[in-house]
Amino acid sequence: MSGAKQNDFKKYLDPAVVSRLDSLELKSKYIVEGFMLGLHRSPYHGFSIEFSQHRPYMQGDAPKDIDWKVYGKTEKYYVKQYEEETNLKCQIVLDCSSSMSFSFQNRVSKFHYASMLASALAYLNIHQKDAVGLTLYSDKILKSLPPHATQIYLNQILSAISNTELTGKTDTAKCLSQVAEKTSRRGLVVIISDLFDDIKQTISALKHFRFKKNEVIVFQVLDPIETSFAFGSDASFKDLETGELMRTQPHHIQRAYSEAMQDFIANIKKECLNSGIEYNLLQTDTPFDKALFAYLQKRNNLY
């Protein structure tokens, strides 16, 4: 991370900080590099998080194989390991429906957070020599890019995300089923969505991936206010997908809403776990290392 102090890595995992960077390519680069540096300085420093061409130095290894650039960043010895490309294929499925545009008090919107996460995951895959693809959806498939493992292809993925316009209602179940039908080879499927859809149908669609021997990891992205409903004074609420307006006093319904939302989240999590699907709740102020670490754990478990 050129020009950055090593103890500054945490700021590159803060959504509010990263969101101010110019391009999606720069955002993904800083998220991943901040994450990698942070892991070396965390309790997870023993976790296998180096790119696939590195492994920890062991007695008997030739000193000429030590990567001194890595040592300069981490103060740990890693040797270059020349292996064939892995066969892992990762398909990122990103919700682009209108509800993802929501943000409160100028926080990072759900889609901005989700797009930065998707871009960082794509960047991480390509630099690990894994193949990555992308599906953008709302109530229909908006764009589908099959998995490939080249730097040029990464640019296509980032461009597709950058040029996305949020539109339409959510039909996660239908779109996931369509993606699953086209996903024939065993791999890793990453779903990034607020999951504001019918739970039963969505879980059924996710099971379709599992039936075809794919591993699945779900990231549910929500604004913090969506879980607390702590708006305070009178407020007007607009359904971002239908345009319907409703005026109410939030404190009158805050408790009921909060309980209903917690039940909704708990139900999704339970159904995912019961189906062998990893579930992660992310709020738009959650540092990106939580999601990337969960992803790498899932990836490592495939080998």
C-alpha atoms as a PDB file:
ATOM      1  CA  MET A   1       0.000   0.000   0.000  1.00  0.00           C
ATOM      2  CA  SER A   2       2.284   2.694  -1.374  1.00  0.00           C
ATOM      3  CA  GLY A   3       2.808   5.732   0.808  1.00  0.00           C
ATOM      4  CA  ALA A   4       0.544   4.511   3.599  1.00  0.00           C
ATOM      5  CA  LYS A   5       1.650   3.889   7.153  1.00  0.00           C
ATOM      6  CA  GLN A   6       1.238   0.269   8.112  1.00  0.00           C
ATOM      7  CA  ASN A   7      -0.885   1.153  11.131  1.00  0.00           C
ATOM      8  CA  ASP A   8      -3.309   3.042   8.888  1.00  0.00           C
ATOM      9  CA  PHE A   9      -4.733  -0.115   7.321  1.00  0.00           C
ATOM     10  CA  LYS A  10      -8.001   0.109   9.279  1.00  0.00           C
ATOM     11  CA  LYS A  11      -9.099   3.243   7.467  1.00  0.00           C
ATOM     12  CA  TYR A  12      -9.037   1.324   4.186  1.00  0.00           C
ATOM     13  CA  LEU A  13     -11.624  -1.055   5.612  1.00  0.00           C
ATOM     14  CA  ASP A  14     -13.992   1.743   6.693  1.00  0.00           C
ATOM     15  CA  PRO A  15     -16.879   2.083   4.176  1.00  0.00           C
ATOM     16  CA  ALA A  16     -17.192   5.830   4.770  1.00  0.00           C
ATOM     17  CA  VAL A  17     -13.500   6.386   4.000  1.00  0.00           C
ATOM     18  CA  VAL A  18     -13.285   4.047   1.016  1.00  0.00           C
ATOM     19  CA  SER A  19     -16.445   5.477  -0.536  1.00  0.00           C
ATOM     20  CA  ARG A  20     -14.653   8.795  -1.035  1.00  0.00           C
ATOM     21  CA  LEU A  21     -12.006   7.286  -3.319  1.00  0.00           C
ATOM     22  CA  ASP A  22     -12.379   8.046  -7.011  1.00  0.00           C
ATOM     23  CA  SER A  23     -12.804   4.768  -8.870  1.00  0.00           C
ATOM     24  CA  LEU A  24     -14.169   1.345  -8.067  1.00  0.00           C
ATOM     25  CA  GLU A  25     -10.814  -0.125  -9.077  1.00  0.00           C
ATOM     26  CA  LEU A  26      -9.033   2.019  -6.497  1.00  0.00           C
ATOM     27  CA  LYS A  27     -11.633   1.188  -3.842  1.00  0.00           C
ATOM     28  CA  SER A  28     -11.286  -2.562  -4.390  1.00  0.00           C
ATOM     29  CA  LYS A  29      -7.482  -2.355  -4.373  1.00  0.00           C
ATOM     30  CA  TYR A  30      -7.336  -0.431  -1.099  1.00  0.00           C
ATOM     31  CA  ILE A  31      -9.929  -2.642   0.598  1.00  0.00           C
ATOM     32  CA  VAL A  32      -8.037  -5.829  -0.274  1.00  0.00           C
ATOM     33  CA  GLU A  33      -4.577  -4.471   0.510  1.00  0.00           C
ATOM     34  CA  GLY A  34      -5.801  -2.989   3.788  1.00  0.00           C
ATOM     35  CA  PHE A  35      -7.408  -6.317   4.642  1.00  0.00           C
ATOM     36  CA  MET A  36      -4.296  -8.342   3.852  1.00  0.00           C
ATOM     37  CA  LEU A  37      -2.086  -6.040   5.899  1.00  0.00           C
ATOM     38  CA  GLY A  38      -4.576  -6.058   8.763  1.00  0.00           C
ATOM     39  CA  LEU A  39      -4.696  -9.843   8.931  1.00  0.00           C
ATOM     40  CA  HIS A  40      -0.941  -9.993   9.375  1.00  0.00           C
ATOM     41  CA  ARG A  41      -1.276  -7.739  12.415  1.00  0.00           C
ATOM     42  CA  SER A  42      -4.303  -9.449  13.930  1.00  0.00           C
ATOM     43  CA  PRO A  43      -4.964 -12.623  15.952  1.00  0.00           C
ATOM     44  CA  TYR A  44      -5.579 -14.296  12.584  1.00  0.00           C
ATOM     45  CA  HIS A  45      -1.973 -13.858  11.444  1.00  0.00           C
ATOM     46  CA  GLY A  46      -1.601 -17.639  11.193  1.00  0.00           C
ATOM     47  CA  PHE A  47      -4.557 -17.940   8.838  1.00  0.00           C
ATOM     48  CA  SER A  48      -3.726 -18.926   5.267  1.00  0.00           C
ATOM     49  CA  ILE A  49      -4.465 -15.604   3.625  1.00  0.00           C
ATOM     50  CA  GLU A  50      -1.555 -15.060   1.275  1.00  0.00           C
ATOM     51  CA  PHE A  51      -2.237 -15.087  -2.425  1.00  0.00           C
ATOM     52  CA  SER A  52      -1.903 -18.539  -3.924  1.00  0.00           C
ATOM     53  CA  GLN A  53       1.693 -17.918  -5.045  1.00  0.00           C
ATOM     54  CA  HIS A  54       2.965 -17.467  -1.451  1.00  0.00           C
ATOM     55  CA  ARG A  55       3.357 -19.653   1.612  1.00  0.00           C
ATOM     56  CA  PRO A  56       5.137 -19.192   4.973  1.00  0.00           C
ATOM     57  CA  TYR A  57       8.911 -19.722   4.924  1.00  0.00           C
ATOM     58  CA  MET A  58      10.038 -23.064   6.387  1.00  0.00           C
ATOM     59  CA  GLN A  59      13.467 -24.327   7.402  1.00  0.00           C
ATOM     60  CA  GLY A  60      15.211 -25.689   4.317  1.00  0.00           C
ATOM     61  CA  ASP A  61      13.614 -23.256   1.857  1.00  0.00           C
ATOM     62  CA  ALA A  62      16.064 -21.412  -0.397  1.00  0.00           C
ATOM     63  CA  PRO A  63      16.582 -17.790   0.719  1.00  0.00           C
ATOM     64  CA  LYS A  64      16.414 -16.721  -2.931  1.00  0.00           C
ATOM     65  CA  ASP A  65      12.716 -17.690  -2.950  1.00  0.00           C
ATOM     66  CA  ILE A  66      11.809 -15.276  -0.113  1.00  0.00           C
ATOM     67  CA  ASP A  67       9.547 -12.458  -1.262  1.00  0.00           C
ATOM     68  CA  TRP A  68      11.224  -9.420   0.280  1.00  0.00           C
ATOM     69  CA  LYS A  69       8.393  -7.075  -0.735  1.00  0.00           C
ATOM     70  CA  VAL A  70       6.004  -9.110   1.398  1.00  0.00           C
ATOM     71  CA  TYR A  71       8.532  -9.095   4.218  1.00  0.00           C
ATOM     72  CA  GLY A  72       8.759  -5.298   3.991  1.00  0.00           C
ATOM     73  CA  LYS A  73       5.017  -5.003   4.534  1.00  0.00           C
ATOM     74  CA  THR A  74       4.487  -7.751   7.086  1.00  0.00           C
ATOM     75  CA  GLU A  75       7.869  -8.414   8.753  1.00  0.00           C
ATOM     76  CA  LYS A  76       7.172 -12.093   8.095  1.00  0.00           C
ATOM     77  CA  TYR A  77       8.979 -14.435   5.696  1.00  0.00           C
ATOM     78  CA  TYR A  78       7.021 -15.833   2.766  1.00  0.00           C
ATOM     79  CA  VAL A  79       8.375 -17.747  -0.200  1.00  0.00           C
ATOM     80  CA  LYS A  80       7.124 -17.634  -3.733  1.00  0.00           C
ATOM     81  CA  GLN A  81       5.287 -20.795  -4.611  1.00  0.00           C
ATOM     82  CA  TYR A  82       4.687 -21.483  -8.270  1.00  0.00           C
ATOM     83  CA  GLU A  83       1.548 -23.522  -8.684  1.00  0.00           C
ATOM     84  CA  GLU A  84      -0.922 -24.117 -11.443  1.00  0.00           C
ATOM     85  CA  GLU A  85      -3.984 -21.942 -11.332  1.00  0.00           C
ATOM     86  CA  THR A  86      -6.666 -23.135  -8.963  1.00  0.00           C
ATOM     87  CA  ASN A  87      -9.889 -24.497 -10.353  1.00  0.00           C
ATOM     88  CA  LEU A  88     -12.091 -22.427  -8.082  1.00  0.00           C
ATOM     89  CA  LYS A  89     -14.838 -20.544  -9.841  1.00  0.00           C
ATOM     90  CA  CYS A  90     -16.678 -17.831  -7.959  1.00  0.00           C
ATOM     91  CA  GLN A  91     -19.932 -16.261  -9.122  1.00  0.00           C
ATOM     92  CA  ILE A  92     -20.891 -12.985  -7.422  1.00  0.00           C
ATOM     93  CA  VAL A  93     -24.628 -12.266  -7.544  1.00  0.00           C
ATOM     94  CA  LEU A  94     -25.417  -8.620  -6.762  1.00  0.00           C
ATOM     95  CA  ASP A  95     -28.865  -7.165  -6.014  1.00  0.00           C
ATOM     96  CA  CYS A  96     -29.469  -3.998  -8.063  1.00  0.00           C
ATOM     97  CA  SER A  97     -33.126  -3.438  -7.197  1.00  0.00           C
ATOM     98  CA  SER A  98     -34.401  -0.029  -6.116  1.00  0.00           C
ATOM     99  CA  SER A  99     -34.509  -0.921  -2.417  1.00  0.00           C
ATOM    100  CA  MET A 100     -30.704  -1.146  -2.446  1.00  0.00           C
ATOM    101  CA  SER A 101     -30.474   2.622  -3.002  1.00  0.00           C
ATOM    102  CA  PHE A 102     -31.543   3.337   0.585  1.00  0.00           C
ATOM    103  CA  SER A 103     -29.292   5.276   2.940  1.00  0.00           C
ATOM    104  CA  PHE A 104     -30.000   7.337   6.068  1.00  0.00           C
ATOM    105  CA  GLN A 105     -28.377  10.633   7.047  1.00  0.00           C
ATOM    106  CA  ASN A 106     -25.872  10.569   4.189  1.00  0.00           C
ATOM    107  CA  ARG A 107     -24.438   7.201   5.126  1.00  0.00           C
ATOM    108  CA  VAL A 108     -23.102   4.933   2.416  1.00  0.00           C
ATOM    109  CA  SER A 109     -26.089   3.448   0.594  1.00  0.00           C
ATOM    110  CA  LYS A 110     -26.720  -0.281   0.651  1.00  0.00           C
ATOM    111  CA  PHE A 111     -25.808  -0.582  -3.019  1.00  0.00           C
ATOM    112  CA  HIS A 112     -22.652   1.505  -2.695  1.00  0.00           C
ATOM    113  CA  TYR A 113     -21.537  -0.740   0.164  1.00  0.00           C
ATOM    114  CA  ALA A 114     -22.527  -3.890  -1.742  1.00  0.00           C
ATOM    115  CA  SER A 115     -20.777  -2.720  -4.919  1.00  0.00           C
ATOM    116  CA  MET A 116     -17.537  -2.004  -3.034  1.00  0.00           C
ATOM    117  CA  LEU A 117     -17.703  -5.444  -1.421  1.00  0.00           C
ATOM    118  CA  ALA A 118     -18.423  -7.178  -4.743  1.00  0.00           C
ATOM    119  CA  SER A 119     -15.533  -5.321  -6.381  1.00  0.00           C
ATOM    120  CA  ALA A 120     -13.133  -6.214  -3.578  1.00  0.00           C
ATOM    121  CA  LEU A 121     -14.123  -9.885  -3.829  1.00  0.00           C
ATOM    122  CA  ALA A 122     -13.577  -9.803  -7.600  1.00  0.00           C
ATOM    123  CA  TYR A 123     -10.178  -8.162  -7.107  1.00  0.00           C
ATOM    124  CA  LEU A 124      -9.216 -10.725  -4.467  1.00  0.00           C
ATOM    125  CA  ASN A 125     -10.229 -13.660  -6.687  1.00  0.00           C
ATOM    126  CA  ILE A 126      -8.341 -12.459  -9.745  1.00  0.00           C
ATOM    127  CA  HIS A 127      -5.187 -11.835  -7.740  1.00  0.00           C
ATOM    128  CA  GLN A 128      -5.442 -15.339  -6.272  1.00  0.00           C
ATOM    129  CA  LYS A 129      -5.670 -16.671  -9.845  1.00  0.00           C
ATOM    130  CA  ASP A 130      -9.260 -17.789  -9.267  1.00  0.00           C
ATOM    131  CA  ALA A 131     -11.954 -17.270 -11.861  1.00  0.00           C
ATOM    132  CA  VAL A 132     -14.738 -14.849 -10.986  1.00  0.00           C
ATOM    133  CA  GLY A 133     -18.018 -13.975 -12.657  1.00  0.00           C
ATOM    134  CA  LEU A 134     -20.786 -11.476 -11.984  1.00  0.00           C
ATOM    135  CA  THR A 135     -24.579 -11.450 -12.142  1.00  0.00           C
ATOM    136  CA  LEU A 136     -26.543  -8.222 -11.656  1.00  0.00           C
ATOM    137  CA  TYR A 137     -30.276  -8.540 -10.989  1.00  0.00           C
ATOM    138  CA  SER A 138     -33.436  -6.817  -9.770  1.00  0.00           C
ATOM    139  CA  ASP A 139     -36.721  -8.434 -10.838  1.00  0.00           C
ATOM    140  CA  LYS A 140     -34.803  -9.891 -13.801  1.00  0.00           C
ATOM    141  CA  ILE A 141     -31.231 -10.659 -14.765  1.00  0.00           C
ATOM    142  CA  LEU A 142     -29.683  -7.353 -15.842  1.00  0.00           C
ATOM    143  CA  LYS A 143     -26.217  -8.598 -16.767  1.00  0.00           C
ATOM    144  CA  SER A 144     -24.363 -11.884 -16.559  1.00  0.00           C
ATOM    145  CA  LEU A 145     -20.616 -12.362 -16.918  1.00  0.00           C
ATOM    146  CA  PRO A 146     -19.331 -15.964 -16.659  1.00  0.00           C
ATOM    147  CA  PRO A 147     -16.241 -16.660 -14.529  1.00  0.00           C
ATOM    148  CA  HIS A 148     -12.780 -15.926 -15.948  1.00  0.00           C
ATOM    149  CA  ALA A 149      -9.423 -15.290 -14.307  1.00  0.00           C
ATOM    150  CA  THR A 150      -7.673 -12.457 -16.151  1.00  0.00           C
ATOM    151  CA  GLN A 151      -6.856  -8.877 -15.181  1.00  0.00           C
ATOM    152  CA  ILE A 152      -8.637  -7.578 -18.281  1.00  0.00           C
ATOM    153  CA  TYR A 153     -11.769  -9.436 -17.216  1.00  0.00           C
ATOM    154  CA  LEU A 154     -11.591  -7.819 -13.780  1.00  0.00           C
ATOM    155  CA  ASN A 155     -11.838  -4.457 -15.524  1.00  0.00           C
ATOM    156  CA  GLN A 156     -15.015  -5.645 -17.285  1.00  0.00           C
ATOM    157  CA  ILE A 157     -16.551  -6.685 -13.970  1.00  0.00           C
ATOM    158  CA  LEU A 158     -15.716  -3.381 -12.288  1.00  0.00           C
ATOM    159  CA  SER A 159     -17.061  -1.465 -15.278  1.00  0.00           C
ATOM    160  CA  ALA A 160     -20.336  -3.425 -15.198  1.00  0.00           C
ATOM    161  CA  ILE A 161     -20.817  -2.633 -11.508  1.00  0.00           C
ATOM    162  CA  SER A 162     -19.870   1.042 -11.951  1.00  0.00           C
ATOM    163  CA  ASN A 163     -22.372   1.517 -14.780  1.00  0.00           C
ATOM    164  CA  THR A 164     -25.280  -0.154 -13.008  1.00  0.00           C
ATOM    165  CA  GLU A 165     -28.496   1.817 -12.555  1.00  0.00           C
ATOM    166  CA  LEU A 166     -30.754   0.630  -9.755  1.00  0.00           C
ATOM    167  CA  THR A 167     -34.162  -0.251 -11.063  1.00  0.00           C
ATOM    168  CA  GLY A 168     -37.201  -2.422 -10.473  1.00  0.00           C
ATOM    169  CA  LYS A 169     -38.593  -4.458  -7.642  1.00  0.00           C
ATOM    170  CA  THR A 170     -36.769  -7.363  -6.055  1.00  0.00           C
ATOM    171  CA  ASP A 171     -37.342 -10.894  -7.274  1.00  0.00           C
ATOM    172  CA  THR A 172     -34.392 -12.611  -5.672  1.00  0.00           C
ATOM    173  CA  ALA A 173     -35.891 -16.103  -5.771  1.00  0.00           C
ATOM    174  CA  LYS A 174     -36.645 -16.055  -9.508  1.00  0.00           C
ATOM    175  CA  CYS A 175     -33.285 -14.555 -10.447  1.00  0.00           C
ATOM    176  CA  LEU A 176     -31.269 -16.890  -8.228  1.00  0.00           C
ATOM    177  CA  SER A 177     -33.075 -19.873  -9.739  1.00  0.00           C
ATOM    178  CA  GLN A 178     -32.127 -18.653 -13.216  1.00  0.00           C
ATOM    179  CA  VAL A 179     -28.502 -18.236 -12.186  1.00  0.00           C
ATOM    180  CA  ALA A 180     -28.464 -21.694 -10.587  1.00  0.00           C
ATOM    181  CA  GLU A 181     -29.814 -23.270 -13.779  1.00  0.00           C
ATOM    182  CA  LYS A 182     -26.802 -21.919 -15.683  1.00  0.00           C
ATOM    183  CA  THR A 183     -24.286 -22.816 -12.975  1.00  0.00           C
ATOM    184  CA  SER A 184     -23.183 -26.316 -13.857  1.00  0.00           C
ATOM    185  CA  ARG A 185     -19.710 -26.666 -12.415  1.00  0.00           C
ATOM    186  CA  ARG A 186     -19.091 -26.894  -8.681  1.00  0.00           C
ATOM    187  CA  GLY A 187     -17.865 -23.588  -7.312  1.00  0.00           C
ATOM    188  CA  LEU A 188     -18.538 -20.814  -4.846  1.00  0.00           C
ATOM    189  CA  VAL A 189     -21.593 -18.568  -5.173  1.00  0.00           C
ATOM    190  CA  VAL A 190     -21.665 -15.238  -3.317  1.00  0.00           C
ATOM    191  CA  ILE A 191     -25.045 -13.511  -2.870  1.00  0.00           C
ATOM    192  CA  ILE A 192     -25.043  -9.811  -1.878  1.00  0.00           C
ATOM    193  CA  SER A 193     -28.516  -8.404  -1.219  1.00  0.00           C
ATOM    194  CA  ASP A 194     -30.793  -6.862   1.390  1.00  0.00           C
ATOM    195  CA  LEU A 195     -32.940 -10.001   0.900  1.00  0.00           C
ATOM    196  CA  PHE A 196     -36.181  -8.018   1.064  1.00  0.00           C
ATOM    197  CA  ASP A 197     -38.181 -10.765  -0.548  1.00  0.00           C
ATOM    198  CA  ASP A 198     -40.159 -13.861   0.349  1.00  0.00           C
ATOM    199  CA  ILE A 199     -37.881 -15.900   2.633  1.00  0.00           C
ATOM    200  CA  LYS A 200     -39.288 -19.312   1.761  1.00  0.00           C
ATOM    201  CA  GLN A 201     -38.897 -18.793  -1.972  1.00  0.00           C
ATOM    202  CA  THR A 202     -35.439 -17.270  -1.592  1.00  0.00           C
ATOM    203  CA  ILE A 203     -34.176 -20.163   0.521  1.00  0.00           C
ATOM    204  CA  SER A 204     -35.613 -22.603  -2.003  1.00  0.00           C
ATOM    205  CA  ALA A 205     -33.635 -20.861  -4.749  1.00  0.00           C
ATOM    206  CA  LEU A 206     -30.453 -20.916  -2.653  1.00  0.00           C
ATOM    207  CA  LYS A 207     -30.910 -24.649  -2.124  1.00  0.00           C
ATOM    208  CA  HIS A 208     -30.833 -25.011  -5.895  1.00  0.00           C
ATOM    209  CA  PHE A 209     -27.162 -24.021  -5.826  1.00  0.00           C
ATOM    210  CA  ARG A 210     -26.473 -26.527  -3.049  1.00  0.00           C
ATOM    211  CA  PHE A 211     -28.264 -29.261  -4.994  1.00  0.00           C
ATOM    212  CA  LYS A 212     -25.779 -28.669  -7.803  1.00  0.00           C
ATOM    213  CA  LYS A 213     -22.876 -29.094  -5.344  1.00  0.00           C
ATOM    214  CA  ASN A 214     -21.989 -25.411  -5.100  1.00  0.00           C
ATOM    215  CA  GLU A 215     -20.886 -23.740  -1.882  1.00  0.00           C
ATOM    216  CA  VAL A 216     -22.939 -20.645  -1.047  1.00  0.00           C
ATOM    217  CA  ILE A 217     -22.216 -17.614   1.104  1.00  0.00           C
ATOM    218  CA  VAL A 218     -24.867 -14.946   1.671  1.00  0.00           C
ATOM    219  CA  PHE A 219     -24.170 -11.350   2.672  1.00  0.00           C
ATOM    220  CA  GLN A 220     -27.319  -9.529   3.773  1.00  0.00           C
ATOM    221  CA  VAL A 221     -26.612  -5.787   3.564  1.00  0.00           C
ATOM    222  CA  LEU A 222     -28.761  -3.405   5.612  1.00  0.00           C
ATOM    223  CA  ASP A 223     -28.593   0.208   6.744  1.00  0.00           C
ATOM    224  CA  PRO A 224     -28.320   0.371  10.573  1.00  0.00           C
ATOM    225  CA  ILE A 225     -31.610   2.285  10.758  1.00  0.00           C
ATOM    226  CA  GLU A 226     -33.379  -0.634   9.099  1.00  0.00           C
ATOM    227  CA  THR A 227     -32.673  -2.813  12.116  1.00  0.00           C
ATOM    228  CA  SER A 228     -33.269  -0.188  14.819  1.00  0.00           C
ATOM    229  CA  PHE A 229     -35.992   1.999  13.228  1.00  0.00           C
ATOM    230  CA  ALA A 230     -34.726   4.811  15.477  1.00  0.00           C
ATOM    231  CA  PHE A 231     -36.014   7.711  13.380  1.00  0.00           C
ATOM    232  CA  GLY A 232     -37.280   9.700  16.387  1.00  0.00           C
ATOM    233  CA  SER A 233     -39.789  12.354  15.244  1.00  0.00           C
ATOM    234  CA  ASP A 234     -42.646  12.163  12.738  1.00  0.00           C
ATOM    235  CA  ALA A 235     -41.488  10.881   9.391  1.00  0.00           C
ATOM    236  CA  SER A 236     -42.712  10.008   5.920  1.00  0.00           C
ATOM    237  CA  PHE A 237     -41.694   6.672   4.451  1.00  0.00           C
ATOM    238  CA  LYS A 238     -41.463   5.922   0.752  1.00  0.00           C
ATOM    239  CA  ASP A 239     -41.321   2.445  -0.699  1.00  0.00           C
ATOM    240  CA  LEU A 240     -38.323   2.681  -3.043  1.00  0.00           C
ATOM    241  CA  GLU A 241     -39.708  -0.045  -5.278  1.00  0.00           C
ATOM    242  CA  THR A 242     -43.369   1.022  -5.534  1.00  0.00           C
ATOM    243  CA  GLY A 243     -43.200   4.737  -4.695  1.00  0.00           C
ATOM    244  CA  GLU A 244     -45.953   4.352  -2.063  1.00  0.00           C
ATOM    245  CA  LEU A 245     -45.855   6.986   0.716  1.00  0.00           C
ATOM    246  CA  MET A 246     -46.800   6.531   4.371  1.00  0.00           C
ATOM    247  CA  ARG A 247     -46.613   9.086   7.212  1.00  0.00           C
ATOM    248  CA  THR A 248     -46.326   7.925  10.812  1.00  0.00           C
ATOM    249  CA  GLN A 249     -44.721   8.506  14.202  1.00  0.00           C
ATOM    250  CA  PRO A 250     -41.806   6.036  14.252  1.00  0.00           C
ATOM    251  CA  HIS A 251     -41.635   5.723  18.045  1.00  0.00           C
ATOM    252  CA  HIS A 252     -45.176   4.295  18.051  1.00  0.00           C
ATOM    253  CA  ILE A 253     -44.167   1.351  15.934  1.00  0.00           C
ATOM    254  CA  GLN A 254     -40.442   1.116  16.679  1.00  0.00           C
ATOM    255  CA  ARG A 255     -40.691  -1.830  19.068  1.00  0.00           C
ATOM    256  CA  ALA A 256     -43.008  -3.853  16.853  1.00  0.00           C
ATOM    257  CA  TYR A 257     -40.919  -3.094  13.762  1.00  0.00           C
ATOM    258  CA  SER A 258     -37.650  -3.944  15.509  1.00  0.00           C
ATOM    259  CA  GLU A 259     -39.025  -7.273  16.733  1.00  0.00           C
ATOM    260  CA  ALA A 260     -40.384  -8.096  13.285  1.00  0.00           C
ATOM    261  CA  MET A 261     -37.044  -7.246  11.659  1.00  0.00           C
ATOM    262  CA  GLN A 262     -35.093  -9.327  14.159  1.00  0.00           C
ATOM    263  CA  ASP A 263     -37.440 -12.251  13.507  1.00  0.00           C
ATOM    264  CA  PHE A 264     -36.952 -11.746   9.759  1.00  0.00           C
ATOM    265  CA  ILE A 265     -33.167 -11.782  10.072  1.00  0.00           C
ATOM    266  CA  ALA A 266     -33.146 -14.715  12.509  1.00  0.00           C
ATOM    267  CA  ASN A 267     -35.387 -16.721  10.176  1.00  0.00           C
ATOM    268  CA  ILE A 268     -33.122 -16.123   7.189  1.00  0.00           C
ATOM    269  CA  LYS A 269     -30.049 -17.067   9.208  1.00  0.00           C
ATOM    270  CA  LYS A 270     -31.670 -20.241  10.580  1.00  0.00           C
ATOM    271  CA  GLU A 271     -32.903 -21.374   7.164  1.00  0.00           C
ATOM    272  CA  CYS A 272     -29.494 -20.724   5.611  1.00  0.00           C
ATOM    273  CA  LEU A 273     -27.622 -22.643   8.291  1.00  0.00           C
ATOM    274  CA  ASN A 274     -30.087 -25.542   8.084  1.00  0.00           C
ATOM    275  CA  SER A 275     -29.394 -25.703   4.350  1.00  0.00           C
ATOM    276  CA  GLY A 276     -25.608 -25.640   4.619  1.00  0.00           C
ATOM    277  CA  ILE A 277     -25.446 -22.018   3.447  1.00  0.00           C
ATOM    278  CA  GLU A 278     -23.199 -19.531   5.222  1.00  0.00           C
ATOM    279  CA  TYR A 279     -25.031 -16.369   6.292  1.00  0.00           C
ATOM    280  CA  ASN A 280     -23.496 -13.012   7.243  1.00  0.00           C
ATOM    281  CA  LEU A 281     -25.322  -9.846   8.277  1.00  0.00           C
ATOM    282  CA  LEU A 282     -23.512  -6.665   7.242  1.00  0.00           C
ATOM    283  CA  GLN A 283     -24.566  -3.111   8.013  1.00  0.00           C
ATOM    284  CA  THR A 284     -23.370  -0.276   5.806  1.00  0.00           C
ATOM    285  CA  ASP A 285     -20.974   0.904   8.514  1.00  0.00           C
ATOM    286  CA  THR A 286     -19.466  -2.582   9.031  1.00  0.00           C
ATOM    287  CA  PRO A 287     -15.728  -2.668   8.158  1.00  0.00           C
ATOM    288  CA  PHE A 288     -15.042  -4.770   5.062  1.00  0.00           C
ATOM    289  CA  ASP A 289     -12.664  -7.162   6.802  1.00  0.00           C
ATOM    290  CA  LYS A 290     -15.600  -9.043   8.360  1.00  0.00           C
ATOM    291  CA  ALA A 291     -16.940 -10.011   4.944  1.00  0.00           C
ATOM    292  CA  LEU A 292     -13.558 -10.738   3.353  1.00  0.00           C
ATOM    293  CA  PHE A 293     -12.465 -12.929   6.230  1.00  0.00           C
ATOM    294  CA  ALA A 294     -15.736 -14.890   6.055  1.00  0.00           C
ATOM    295  CA  TYR A 295     -15.211 -15.309   2.318  1.00  0.00           C
ATOM    296  CA  LEU A 296     -11.626 -16.575   2.673  1.00  0.00           C
ATOM    297  CA  GLN A 297     -12.653 -19.016   5.379  1.00  0.00           C
ATOM    298  CA  LYS A 298     -15.301 -20.439   3.052  1.00  0.00           C
ATOM    299  CA  ARG A 299     -12.835 -20.555   0.156  1.00  0.00           C
ATOM    300  CA  ASN A 300     -10.170 -22.347   2.205  1.00  0.00           C
ATOM    301  CA  ASN A 301     -12.715 -24.919   3.347  1.00  0.00           C
ATOM    302  CA  LEU A 302     -13.187 -25.985  -0.277  1.00  0.00           C
ATOM    303  CA  TYR A 303      -9.677 -27.462  -0.379  1.00  0.00           C
END
